[in-house]
N, C-alpha and C. Protein backbone atom coordinates (compact mmCIF):
# COMPACT_ATOMS: atom_id res chain seq x y z
N MET A 1 0.84 -1.18 0.00
CA MET A 1 0.00 0.00 0.00
C MET A 1 0.89 1.25 0.00
N LYS A 2 0.62 2.15 -0.91
CA LYS A 2 1.42 3.36 -1.05
C LYS A 2 0.84 4.48 -0.18
N LEU A 3 1.68 5.09 0.63
CA LEU A 3 1.26 6.20 1.48
C LEU A 3 1.62 7.50 0.78
N GLU A 4 0.63 8.33 0.51
CA GLU A 4 0.89 9.60 -0.14
C GLU A 4 0.71 10.73 0.86
N LEU A 5 1.74 11.53 1.00
CA LEU A 5 1.68 12.68 1.90
C LEU A 5 1.50 13.94 1.07
N GLU A 6 0.54 14.74 1.45
CA GLU A 6 0.30 16.00 0.74
C GLU A 6 1.16 17.08 1.38
N GLN A 7 2.07 17.62 0.60
CA GLN A 7 2.92 18.68 1.10
C GLN A 7 2.11 19.97 1.17
N LYS A 8 2.31 20.72 2.24
CA LYS A 8 1.61 21.99 2.37
C LYS A 8 2.63 23.12 2.39
N ILE A 9 2.30 24.20 1.75
CA ILE A 9 3.15 25.38 1.73
C ILE A 9 2.35 26.51 2.35
N TYR A 10 3.00 27.27 3.21
CA TYR A 10 2.36 28.42 3.84
C TYR A 10 3.17 29.67 3.53
N TYR A 11 2.46 30.79 3.38
CA TYR A 11 3.11 32.06 3.06
C TYR A 11 2.46 33.16 3.90
N ARG A 12 3.30 33.96 4.58
CA ARG A 12 2.80 35.10 5.36
C ARG A 12 2.82 36.34 4.47
N LEU A 13 1.68 36.97 4.32
CA LEU A 13 1.52 38.15 3.48
C LEU A 13 2.31 39.33 4.05
N LYS A 14 3.13 39.94 3.21
CA LYS A 14 3.94 41.09 3.63
C LYS A 14 3.23 42.39 3.28
N LYS A 15 3.70 43.47 3.88
CA LYS A 15 3.11 44.79 3.65
C LYS A 15 3.12 45.13 2.17
N GLY A 16 1.98 45.55 1.67
CA GLY A 16 1.86 45.96 0.28
C GLY A 16 1.57 44.84 -0.70
N GLN A 17 1.56 43.59 -0.23
CA GLN A 17 1.29 42.47 -1.13
C GLN A 17 -0.20 42.19 -1.21
N SER A 18 -0.62 41.73 -2.36
CA SER A 18 -2.02 41.36 -2.57
C SER A 18 -2.10 39.86 -2.82
N LEU A 19 -3.31 39.35 -2.82
CA LEU A 19 -3.54 37.95 -3.12
C LEU A 19 -3.01 37.63 -4.52
N ALA A 20 -3.22 38.52 -5.46
CA ALA A 20 -2.75 38.32 -6.83
C ALA A 20 -1.23 38.24 -6.89
N ASP A 21 -0.54 39.03 -6.07
CA ASP A 21 0.92 38.98 -6.03
C ASP A 21 1.41 37.59 -5.61
N VAL A 22 0.82 37.06 -4.56
CA VAL A 22 1.21 35.74 -4.06
C VAL A 22 0.86 34.67 -5.09
N ALA A 23 -0.32 34.79 -5.68
CA ALA A 23 -0.75 33.83 -6.70
C ALA A 23 0.24 33.80 -7.87
N ASN A 24 0.70 34.97 -8.31
CA ASN A 24 1.65 35.04 -9.42
C ASN A 24 2.98 34.38 -9.07
N VAL A 25 3.46 34.59 -7.86
CA VAL A 25 4.73 34.01 -7.43
C VAL A 25 4.66 32.48 -7.43
N TYR A 26 3.55 31.93 -6.97
CA TYR A 26 3.42 30.49 -6.84
C TYR A 26 2.75 29.82 -8.05
N GLY A 27 2.36 30.60 -9.05
CA GLY A 27 1.76 30.02 -10.25
C GLY A 27 0.40 29.41 -10.01
N VAL A 28 -0.42 30.12 -9.23
CA VAL A 28 -1.75 29.65 -8.86
C VAL A 28 -2.77 30.70 -9.30
N PRO A 29 -3.89 30.31 -9.90
CA PRO A 29 -4.92 31.30 -10.18
C PRO A 29 -5.41 31.94 -8.88
N PRO A 30 -5.53 33.27 -8.84
CA PRO A 30 -5.97 33.94 -7.61
C PRO A 30 -7.26 33.36 -7.02
N ARG A 31 -8.19 32.97 -7.88
CA ARG A 31 -9.46 32.41 -7.40
C ARG A 31 -9.24 31.12 -6.61
N VAL A 32 -8.30 30.29 -7.06
CA VAL A 32 -7.99 29.04 -6.36
C VAL A 32 -7.38 29.33 -5.00
N LEU A 33 -6.46 30.29 -4.94
CA LEU A 33 -5.84 30.67 -3.68
C LEU A 33 -6.87 31.23 -2.71
N ALA A 34 -7.79 32.04 -3.20
CA ALA A 34 -8.85 32.59 -2.35
C ALA A 34 -9.77 31.49 -1.83
N ALA A 35 -10.14 30.55 -2.69
CA ALA A 35 -11.03 29.46 -2.27
C ALA A 35 -10.36 28.56 -1.25
N LEU A 36 -9.09 28.24 -1.47
CA LEU A 36 -8.36 27.37 -0.56
C LEU A 36 -8.28 27.97 0.84
N ASN A 37 -8.17 29.30 0.91
CA ASN A 37 -8.05 29.98 2.19
C ASN A 37 -9.37 30.58 2.69
N GLU A 38 -10.46 30.23 1.99
CA GLU A 38 -11.80 30.68 2.36
C GLU A 38 -11.87 32.20 2.55
N LEU A 39 -11.28 32.91 1.58
CA LEU A 39 -11.26 34.37 1.65
C LEU A 39 -12.49 34.97 0.99
N LYS A 40 -13.06 35.94 1.62
CA LYS A 40 -14.20 36.67 1.06
C LYS A 40 -13.79 38.09 0.69
N GLU A 41 -12.60 38.49 1.15
CA GLU A 41 -12.08 39.82 0.85
C GLU A 41 -10.56 39.74 0.76
N GLU A 42 -9.93 40.80 0.31
CA GLU A 42 -8.47 40.85 0.19
C GLU A 42 -7.84 40.65 1.57
N PRO A 43 -6.90 39.71 1.69
CA PRO A 43 -6.27 39.47 3.00
C PRO A 43 -5.35 40.62 3.40
N ARG A 44 -5.15 40.76 4.70
CA ARG A 44 -4.31 41.84 5.23
C ARG A 44 -2.90 41.36 5.52
N GLU A 45 -2.02 42.32 5.67
CA GLU A 45 -0.63 42.04 6.02
C GLU A 45 -0.57 41.12 7.24
N GLY A 46 0.32 40.14 7.19
CA GLY A 46 0.48 39.21 8.30
C GLY A 46 -0.35 37.95 8.20
N ARG A 47 -1.36 37.94 7.34
CA ARG A 47 -2.21 36.76 7.17
C ARG A 47 -1.38 35.63 6.59
N VAL A 48 -1.51 34.45 7.17
CA VAL A 48 -0.82 33.28 6.66
C VAL A 48 -1.75 32.57 5.68
N LEU A 49 -1.25 32.39 4.47
CA LEU A 49 -2.03 31.75 3.41
C LEU A 49 -1.48 30.36 3.14
N GLN A 50 -2.38 29.40 2.94
CA GLN A 50 -1.96 28.09 2.47
C GLN A 50 -1.90 28.16 0.95
N VAL A 51 -0.81 27.65 0.39
CA VAL A 51 -0.60 27.66 -1.05
C VAL A 51 -0.55 26.21 -1.53
N PRO A 52 -1.25 25.87 -2.61
CA PRO A 52 -1.19 24.50 -3.11
C PRO A 52 0.24 24.11 -3.48
N ALA A 53 0.67 22.93 -3.05
CA ALA A 53 2.02 22.46 -3.35
C ALA A 53 2.11 21.92 -4.78
N GLU A 54 0.98 21.48 -5.31
CA GLU A 54 1.00 20.91 -6.65
C GLU A 54 1.25 21.99 -7.70
N ARG A 55 1.90 21.59 -8.75
CA ARG A 55 2.18 22.51 -9.85
C ARG A 55 1.44 22.04 -11.08
N ARG A 56 0.73 22.95 -11.69
CA ARG A 56 0.02 22.68 -12.93
C ARG A 56 0.35 23.78 -13.91
N ASN A 57 -0.05 23.59 -15.14
CA ASN A 57 0.19 24.60 -16.16
C ASN A 57 -0.85 25.70 -16.05
N LEU A 58 -0.38 26.94 -15.97
CA LEU A 58 -1.27 28.10 -16.00
C LEU A 58 -1.53 28.46 -17.45
N TYR A 59 -2.73 28.94 -17.73
CA TYR A 59 -3.12 29.26 -19.09
C TYR A 59 -4.08 30.44 -19.07
N VAL A 60 -3.96 31.33 -20.03
CA VAL A 60 -4.88 32.46 -20.18
C VAL A 60 -5.88 32.10 -21.26
N VAL A 61 -7.16 32.12 -20.91
CA VAL A 61 -8.24 31.69 -21.80
C VAL A 61 -8.37 32.64 -22.99
N CYS A 62 -8.52 32.04 -24.17
CA CYS A 62 -8.75 32.78 -25.42
C CYS A 62 -10.20 32.58 -25.86
N GLY A 63 -10.63 33.35 -26.85
CA GLY A 63 -11.99 33.24 -27.35
C GLY A 63 -12.27 31.89 -27.99
N GLY A 64 -13.48 31.39 -27.80
CA GLY A 64 -13.91 30.15 -28.43
C GLY A 64 -13.54 28.89 -27.67
N GLU A 65 -12.86 29.01 -26.55
CA GLU A 65 -12.47 27.82 -25.78
C GLU A 65 -13.56 27.45 -24.77
N SER A 66 -13.66 26.17 -24.49
CA SER A 66 -14.65 25.68 -23.53
C SER A 66 -13.95 25.01 -22.36
N LYS A 67 -14.68 24.78 -21.29
CA LYS A 67 -14.14 24.08 -20.13
C LYS A 67 -13.67 22.68 -20.52
N ALA A 68 -14.48 22.00 -21.32
CA ALA A 68 -14.13 20.65 -21.75
C ALA A 68 -12.89 20.65 -22.63
N MET A 69 -12.75 21.65 -23.48
CA MET A 69 -11.59 21.75 -24.35
C MET A 69 -10.31 21.95 -23.51
N LEU A 70 -10.41 22.72 -22.46
CA LEU A 70 -9.25 23.04 -21.64
C LEU A 70 -8.86 21.93 -20.66
N CYS A 71 -9.86 21.27 -20.08
CA CYS A 71 -9.59 20.31 -18.99
C CYS A 71 -10.20 18.93 -19.19
N GLY A 72 -10.75 18.67 -20.35
CA GLY A 72 -11.32 17.35 -20.61
C GLY A 72 -12.80 17.25 -20.32
N SER A 73 -13.27 18.00 -19.34
CA SER A 73 -14.71 18.02 -19.02
C SER A 73 -15.00 19.26 -18.19
N ASP A 74 -16.28 19.65 -18.15
CA ASP A 74 -16.68 20.78 -17.33
C ASP A 74 -16.36 20.52 -15.87
N GLU A 75 -16.60 19.28 -15.41
CA GLU A 75 -16.38 18.93 -14.01
C GLU A 75 -14.91 19.07 -13.63
N ASN A 76 -14.01 18.60 -14.49
CA ASN A 76 -12.56 18.73 -14.23
C ASN A 76 -12.16 20.19 -14.14
N PHE A 77 -12.67 21.00 -15.06
CA PHE A 77 -12.34 22.43 -15.04
C PHE A 77 -12.79 23.06 -13.73
N GLU A 78 -14.03 22.80 -13.34
CA GLU A 78 -14.59 23.42 -12.14
C GLU A 78 -13.87 22.96 -10.87
N GLU A 79 -13.47 21.70 -10.81
CA GLU A 79 -12.75 21.19 -9.65
C GLU A 79 -11.36 21.80 -9.56
N ARG A 80 -10.65 21.86 -10.67
CA ARG A 80 -9.29 22.40 -10.67
C ARG A 80 -9.24 23.89 -10.38
N ASN A 81 -10.21 24.62 -10.93
CA ASN A 81 -10.18 26.09 -10.86
C ASN A 81 -11.15 26.68 -9.86
N ARG A 82 -11.91 25.84 -9.18
CA ARG A 82 -12.83 26.26 -8.12
C ARG A 82 -13.79 27.35 -8.56
N THR A 83 -14.27 27.22 -9.80
CA THR A 83 -15.25 28.15 -10.32
C THR A 83 -16.01 27.51 -11.47
N LYS A 84 -17.21 27.99 -11.70
CA LYS A 84 -17.99 27.55 -12.87
C LYS A 84 -17.82 28.55 -14.01
N LEU A 85 -17.20 29.70 -13.71
CA LEU A 85 -17.04 30.75 -14.71
C LEU A 85 -15.90 30.44 -15.67
N LEU A 86 -16.06 30.88 -16.90
CA LEU A 86 -15.02 30.81 -17.91
C LEU A 86 -15.17 32.04 -18.79
N TYR A 87 -14.11 32.85 -18.88
CA TYR A 87 -14.17 34.06 -19.69
C TYR A 87 -12.80 34.35 -20.30
N ILE A 88 -12.81 35.09 -21.37
CA ILE A 88 -11.59 35.46 -22.08
C ILE A 88 -10.69 36.26 -21.15
N GLY A 89 -9.41 35.90 -21.12
CA GLY A 89 -8.44 36.61 -20.29
C GLY A 89 -8.29 36.02 -18.89
N GLN A 90 -9.14 35.05 -18.54
CA GLN A 90 -9.08 34.42 -17.23
C GLN A 90 -7.84 33.52 -17.15
N THR A 91 -7.15 33.54 -16.02
CA THR A 91 -6.01 32.64 -15.80
C THR A 91 -6.54 31.38 -15.12
N VAL A 92 -6.26 30.23 -15.73
CA VAL A 92 -6.79 28.95 -15.21
C VAL A 92 -5.68 27.92 -15.16
N TRP A 93 -5.95 26.86 -14.39
CA TRP A 93 -5.08 25.69 -14.36
C TRP A 93 -5.59 24.71 -15.38
N LEU A 94 -4.69 24.11 -16.14
CA LEU A 94 -5.07 23.07 -17.10
C LEU A 94 -4.90 21.72 -16.47
């Protein structure tokens, strides 16, 4: 039986940093980072954020693309990106 340990990464928000700044550094869509940390508003300085340890390909959505085209199915897209929304210019995980 294989034991899989999920690595966790934590980051303390510094003065002047935003959720988007942290998301860009770690290659995570801001929406995923907000959902993982159950954020309803921009976090404040000193807040410790959990960052996903897994690495996936980030992609900026272009016109004419669908959830299924990007991730194989609507369900996969919604689970990976923690949203049902899809719009041009959105940064998503593939």
